[in-house]
């Protein structure tokens, strides 16, 4: 479970899309990224779409800022969750809440915040300050993927069961 500077979160959809294609960094190498439509479009390509039948998300440890590669311990947290499902959109929809809830708990801006005052081209700004970012985050890529038929975005329509061990 990770924040991502361009897509908002790194979840099932981003891993499906970016794990199967090369040169995907071009989708988010500038402030206004292409991740809003790029991720869902790639995840929708056959045979990738029909062959992805089970999604597993490791949320034992998470990253709330500067993900997915942050090595700064202050951005680590421990949701202690594992998510399993056949719907990558549904899993990622709940991921947004986990990441955003942690960010709110820490007193920092939402992954949905698009105000340019939180944008910086200086790595020292966004590496240290969780309110700063190098891109305009696009967590809306998850809802976009639902419009392609990749899954259910509306939490009231997602069938899920929580087990506590």
C-alpha atoms as a PDB file:
ATOM      1  CA  UNK A   1       0.000   0.000   0.000  1.00  0.00           C
ATOM      2  CA  UNK A   2       1.793   3.038  -1.277  1.00  0.00           C
ATOM      3  CA  UNK A   3       1.303   6.651  -2.151  1.00  0.00           C
ATOM      4  CA  UNK A   4       2.506   7.527  -5.644  1.00  0.00           C
ATOM      5  CA  UNK A   5       3.575  10.994  -6.709  1.00  0.00           C
ATOM      6  CA  UNK A   6       1.851  10.765 -10.097  1.00  0.00           C
ATOM      7  CA  UNK A   7      -1.029   8.293  -9.833  1.00  0.00           C
ATOM      8  CA  UNK A   8      -1.955   9.070  -6.221  1.00  0.00           C
ATOM      9  CA  UNK A   9      -1.600   5.455  -5.116  1.00  0.00           C
ATOM     10  CA  UNK A  10       0.256   2.380  -6.321  1.00  0.00           C
ATOM     11  CA  UNK A  11      -2.267  -0.411  -6.363  1.00  0.00           C
ATOM     12  CA  UNK A  12      -3.470  -3.317  -8.439  1.00  0.00           C
ATOM     13  CA  UNK A  13      -4.267  -1.326 -11.585  1.00  0.00           C
ATOM     14  CA  UNK A  14      -0.952   0.498 -11.710  1.00  0.00           C
ATOM     15  CA  UNK A  15       0.986  -2.702 -11.078  1.00  0.00           C
ATOM     16  CA  UNK A  16      -1.001  -4.573 -13.745  1.00  0.00           C
ATOM     17  CA  UNK A  17      -0.456  -1.817 -16.305  1.00  0.00           C
ATOM     18  CA  UNK A  18       3.110  -0.799 -15.551  1.00  0.00           C
ATOM     19  CA  UNK A  19       4.322  -4.330 -14.895  1.00  0.00           C
ATOM     20  CA  UNK A  20       3.440  -5.554 -18.372  1.00  0.00           C
ATOM     21  CA  UNK A  21       4.613  -2.702 -20.596  1.00  0.00           C
ATOM     22  CA  UNK A  22       7.942  -0.986 -21.089  1.00  0.00           C
ATOM     23  CA  UNK A  23       8.825   2.711 -21.106  1.00  0.00           C
ATOM     24  CA  UNK A  24       5.872   3.570 -18.881  1.00  0.00           C
ATOM     25  CA  UNK A  25       7.843   6.232 -17.016  1.00  0.00           C
ATOM     26  CA  UNK A  26       7.040   8.563 -19.906  1.00  0.00           C
ATOM     27  CA  UNK A  27       3.485   8.742 -18.559  1.00  0.00           C
ATOM     28  CA  UNK A  28       4.589  10.614 -15.464  1.00  0.00           C
ATOM     29  CA  UNK A  29       7.833  12.445 -16.103  1.00  0.00           C
ATOM     30  CA  UNK A  30       6.341  15.947 -15.897  1.00  0.00           C
ATOM     31  CA  UNK A  31       3.984  17.925 -13.641  1.00  0.00           C
ATOM     32  CA  UNK A  32       0.805  17.165 -15.590  1.00  0.00           C
ATOM     33  CA  UNK A  33       0.964  13.396 -15.907  1.00  0.00           C
ATOM     34  CA  UNK A  34      -0.891  11.095 -18.290  1.00  0.00           C
ATOM     35  CA  UNK A  35      -1.724   8.591 -15.549  1.00  0.00           C
ATOM     36  CA  UNK A  36      -5.439   9.455 -15.383  1.00  0.00           C
ATOM     37  CA  UNK A  37      -6.200   7.498 -18.572  1.00  0.00           C
ATOM     38  CA  UNK A  38      -2.888   5.718 -19.164  1.00  0.00           C
ATOM     39  CA  UNK A  39      -3.163   3.176 -16.341  1.00  0.00           C
ATOM     40  CA  UNK A  40      -6.699   2.001 -17.088  1.00  0.00           C
ATOM     41  CA  UNK A  41      -6.069   1.935 -20.823  1.00  0.00           C
ATOM     42  CA  UNK A  42      -3.050  -0.356 -20.417  1.00  0.00           C
ATOM     43  CA  UNK A  43      -4.800  -2.587 -17.859  1.00  0.00           C
ATOM     44  CA  UNK A  44      -7.659  -2.978 -20.351  1.00  0.00           C
ATOM     45  CA  UNK A  45      -5.464  -4.459 -23.106  1.00  0.00           C
ATOM     46  CA  UNK A  46      -6.078  -8.104 -23.994  1.00  0.00           C
ATOM     47  CA  UNK A  47      -4.935 -10.678 -23.115  1.00  0.00           C
ATOM     48  CA  UNK A  48      -3.748  -8.885 -19.966  1.00  0.00           C
ATOM     49  CA  UNK A  49      -7.272  -7.930 -18.921  1.00  0.00           C
ATOM     50  CA  UNK A  50      -8.779 -11.416 -19.120  1.00  0.00           C
ATOM     51  CA  UNK A  51      -5.746 -13.204 -17.677  1.00  0.00           C
ATOM     52  CA  UNK A  52      -5.611 -11.151 -14.497  1.00  0.00           C
ATOM     53  CA  UNK A  53      -7.981 -13.121 -12.288  1.00  0.00           C
ATOM     54  CA  UNK A  54      -6.719 -12.682  -8.721  1.00  0.00           C
ATOM     55  CA  UNK A  55      -5.288  -9.531  -7.180  1.00  0.00           C
ATOM     56  CA  UNK A  56      -3.338  -9.632  -3.926  1.00  0.00           C
ATOM     57  CA  UNK A  57      -2.365  -6.432  -2.130  1.00  0.00           C
ATOM     58  CA  UNK A  58       0.229  -6.537   0.620  1.00  0.00           C
ATOM     59  CA  UNK A  59      -0.669  -3.873   3.129  1.00  0.00           C
ATOM     60  CA  UNK A  60       1.377  -5.116   6.034  1.00  0.00           C
ATOM     61  CA  UNK A  61       3.570  -2.055   5.547  1.00  0.00           C
ATOM     62  CA  UNK A  62       2.677   1.121   3.685  1.00  0.00           C
ATOM     63  CA  UNK A  63       4.170   4.365   2.403  1.00  0.00           C
ATOM     64  CA  UNK A  64       2.126   7.540   2.895  1.00  0.00           C
ATOM     65  CA  UNK A  65       4.319   9.930   0.858  1.00  0.00           C
ATOM     66  CA  UNK A  66       7.131   9.925  -1.718  1.00  0.00           C
ATOM     67  CA  UNK A  67       6.164   6.452  -2.861  1.00  0.00           C
ATOM     68  CA  UNK A  68       6.660   4.029  -4.183  1.00  0.00           C
ATOM     69  CA  UNK A  69      10.403   4.126  -3.443  1.00  0.00           C
ATOM     70  CA  UNK A  70      10.650   6.278  -0.324  1.00  0.00           C
ATOM     71  CA  UNK A  71      13.291   5.096   2.100  1.00  0.00           C
ATOM     72  CA  UNK A  72      12.363   7.707   4.683  1.00  0.00           C
ATOM     73  CA  UNK A  73      11.006   5.930   7.755  1.00  0.00           C
ATOM     74  CA  UNK A  74       8.813   8.880   8.702  1.00  0.00           C
ATOM     75  CA  UNK A  75       6.567   8.065   5.724  1.00  0.00           C
ATOM     76  CA  UNK A  76       6.206   4.374   6.616  1.00  0.00           C
ATOM     77  CA  UNK A  77       3.168   3.068   8.417  1.00  0.00           C
ATOM     78  CA  UNK A  78       1.706  -0.326   9.185  1.00  0.00           C
ATOM     79  CA  UNK A  79      -1.905  -0.893   8.041  1.00  0.00           C
ATOM     80  CA  UNK A  80      -1.484  -4.623   8.780  1.00  0.00           C
ATOM     81  CA  UNK A  81      -3.852  -5.577   5.975  1.00  0.00           C
ATOM     82  CA  UNK A  82      -3.895  -8.055   3.119  1.00  0.00           C
ATOM     83  CA  UNK A  83      -6.459  -7.614   0.371  1.00  0.00           C
ATOM     84  CA  UNK A  84      -7.502 -10.376  -2.022  1.00  0.00           C
ATOM     85  CA  UNK A  85      -9.995 -10.003  -4.826  1.00  0.00           C
ATOM     86  CA  UNK A  86     -10.968 -10.440  -8.426  1.00  0.00           C
ATOM     87  CA  UNK A  87     -11.756  -6.735  -8.881  1.00  0.00           C
ATOM     88  CA  UNK A  88      -8.668  -4.485  -9.097  1.00  0.00           C
ATOM     89  CA  UNK A  89     -10.790  -1.327  -9.142  1.00  0.00           C
ATOM     90  CA  UNK A  90     -12.538  -2.251  -5.875  1.00  0.00           C
ATOM     91  CA  UNK A  91      -9.273  -3.073  -4.115  1.00  0.00           C
ATOM     92  CA  UNK A  92      -7.667   0.153  -5.317  1.00  0.00           C
ATOM     93  CA  UNK A  93     -10.740   2.170  -4.322  1.00  0.00           C
ATOM     94  CA  UNK A  94     -10.290   1.037  -0.723  1.00  0.00           C
ATOM     95  CA  UNK A  95      -6.535   1.680  -1.020  1.00  0.00           C
ATOM     96  CA  UNK A  96      -7.224   5.375  -1.672  1.00  0.00           C
ATOM     97  CA  UNK A  97      -9.006   5.540   1.690  1.00  0.00           C
ATOM     98  CA  UNK A  98      -6.169   3.797   3.550  1.00  0.00           C
ATOM     99  CA  UNK A  99      -3.521   6.162   2.140  1.00  0.00           C
ATOM    100  CA  UNK A 100      -5.642   9.296   2.454  1.00  0.00           C
ATOM    101  CA  UNK A 101      -6.729   8.445   6.011  1.00  0.00           C
ATOM    102  CA  UNK A 102      -3.076   8.085   7.022  1.00  0.00           C
ATOM    103  CA  UNK A 103      -2.192  11.379   5.332  1.00  0.00           C
ATOM    104  CA  UNK A 104      -5.065  13.125   7.162  1.00  0.00           C
ATOM    105  CA  UNK A 105      -3.932  11.561  10.439  1.00  0.00           C
ATOM    106  CA  UNK A 106      -0.479  13.072   9.807  1.00  0.00           C
ATOM    107  CA  UNK A 107      -2.001  16.478   9.006  1.00  0.00           C
ATOM    108  CA  UNK A 108      -0.975  16.567   5.342  1.00  0.00           C
ATOM    109  CA  UNK A 109      -2.929  17.206   2.153  1.00  0.00           C
ATOM    110  CA  UNK A 110      -5.090  14.616   0.441  1.00  0.00           C
ATOM    111  CA  UNK A 111      -3.877  12.703  -2.614  1.00  0.00           C
ATOM    112  CA  UNK A 112      -6.831  14.424  -4.322  1.00  0.00           C
ATOM    113  CA  UNK A 113      -5.413  17.936  -3.728  1.00  0.00           C
ATOM    114  CA  UNK A 114      -4.478  19.535  -7.066  1.00  0.00           C
ATOM    115  CA  UNK A 115      -3.479  22.998  -5.819  1.00  0.00           C
ATOM    116  CA  UNK A 116      -0.279  24.068  -7.613  1.00  0.00           C
ATOM    117  CA  UNK A 117       1.061  25.687  -4.434  1.00  0.00           C
ATOM    118  CA  UNK A 118       1.951  22.120  -3.373  1.00  0.00           C
ATOM    119  CA  UNK A 119       3.957  21.484  -6.550  1.00  0.00           C
ATOM    120  CA  UNK A 120       7.745  21.726  -6.726  1.00  0.00           C
ATOM    121  CA  UNK A 121      10.438  20.712  -9.186  1.00  0.00           C
ATOM    122  CA  UNK A 122      12.976  20.466  -6.358  1.00  0.00           C
ATOM    123  CA  UNK A 123      13.480  16.931  -4.981  1.00  0.00           C
ATOM    124  CA  UNK A 124      14.545  18.329  -1.618  1.00  0.00           C
ATOM    125  CA  UNK A 125      11.062  19.861  -1.280  1.00  0.00           C
ATOM    126  CA  UNK A 126       8.973  16.761  -1.978  1.00  0.00           C
ATOM    127  CA  UNK A 127      11.395  14.302  -0.415  1.00  0.00           C
ATOM    128  CA  UNK A 128      11.031  16.011   2.981  1.00  0.00           C
ATOM    129  CA  UNK A 129       7.648  17.735   2.960  1.00  0.00           C
ATOM    130  CA  UNK A 130       4.606  15.458   2.540  1.00  0.00           C
ATOM    131  CA  UNK A 131       2.543  18.452   1.409  1.00  0.00           C
ATOM    132  CA  UNK A 132       4.786  18.976  -1.626  1.00  0.00           C
ATOM    133  CA  UNK A 133       4.790  16.850  -4.756  1.00  0.00           C
ATOM    134  CA  UNK A 134       6.582  16.676  -8.105  1.00  0.00           C
ATOM    135  CA  UNK A 135       3.413  15.919 -10.085  1.00  0.00           C
ATOM    136  CA  UNK A 136      -0.296  16.533  -9.963  1.00  0.00           C
ATOM    137  CA  UNK A 137      -1.576  13.257  -8.525  1.00  0.00           C
ATOM    138  CA  UNK A 138      -4.254  11.387 -10.466  1.00  0.00           C
ATOM    139  CA  UNK A 139      -6.072   8.993  -8.099  1.00  0.00           C
ATOM    140  CA  UNK A 140      -9.006   9.412 -10.488  1.00  0.00           C
ATOM    141  CA  UNK A 141      -7.341   6.766 -12.649  1.00  0.00           C
ATOM    142  CA  UNK A 142      -9.185   4.195 -10.551  1.00  0.00           C
ATOM    143  CA  UNK A 143     -12.624   5.601 -11.319  1.00  0.00           C
ATOM    144  CA  UNK A 144     -11.597   5.959 -14.974  1.00  0.00           C
ATOM    145  CA  UNK A 145     -10.701   2.249 -15.055  1.00  0.00           C
ATOM    146  CA  UNK A 146     -14.200   1.457 -13.802  1.00  0.00           C
ATOM    147  CA  UNK A 147     -15.661   3.253 -16.841  1.00  0.00           C
ATOM    148  CA  UNK A 148     -13.726   0.770 -19.000  1.00  0.00           C
ATOM    149  CA  UNK A 149     -15.460  -2.107 -17.238  1.00  0.00           C
ATOM    150  CA  UNK A 150     -12.420  -3.147 -15.203  1.00  0.00           C
ATOM    151  CA  UNK A 151     -14.333  -3.183 -11.916  1.00  0.00           C
ATOM    152  CA  UNK A 152     -16.602  -1.405  -9.459  1.00  0.00           C
ATOM    153  CA  UNK A 153     -15.628   1.999  -8.039  1.00  0.00           C
ATOM    154  CA  UNK A 154     -18.750   2.812  -5.993  1.00  0.00           C
ATOM    155  CA  UNK A 155     -18.057   1.566  -2.449  1.00  0.00           C
ATOM    156  CA  UNK A 156     -21.772   0.960  -1.826  1.00  0.00           C
ATOM    157  CA  UNK A 157     -21.746  -1.599  -4.653  1.00  0.00           C
ATOM    158  CA  UNK A 158     -18.513  -3.379  -3.720  1.00  0.00           C
ATOM    159  CA  UNK A 159     -19.045  -6.733  -2.036  1.00  0.00           C
ATOM    160  CA  UNK A 160     -16.312  -7.289   0.520  1.00  0.00           C
ATOM    161  CA  UNK A 161     -15.691  -9.205   3.693  1.00  0.00           C
ATOM    162  CA  UNK A 162     -13.239  -8.201   6.399  1.00  0.00           C
ATOM    163  CA  UNK A 163     -11.600 -10.866   8.522  1.00  0.00           C
ATOM    164  CA  UNK A 164      -9.670  -9.973  11.660  1.00  0.00           C
ATOM    165  CA  UNK A 165      -7.124 -12.478  12.881  1.00  0.00           C
END
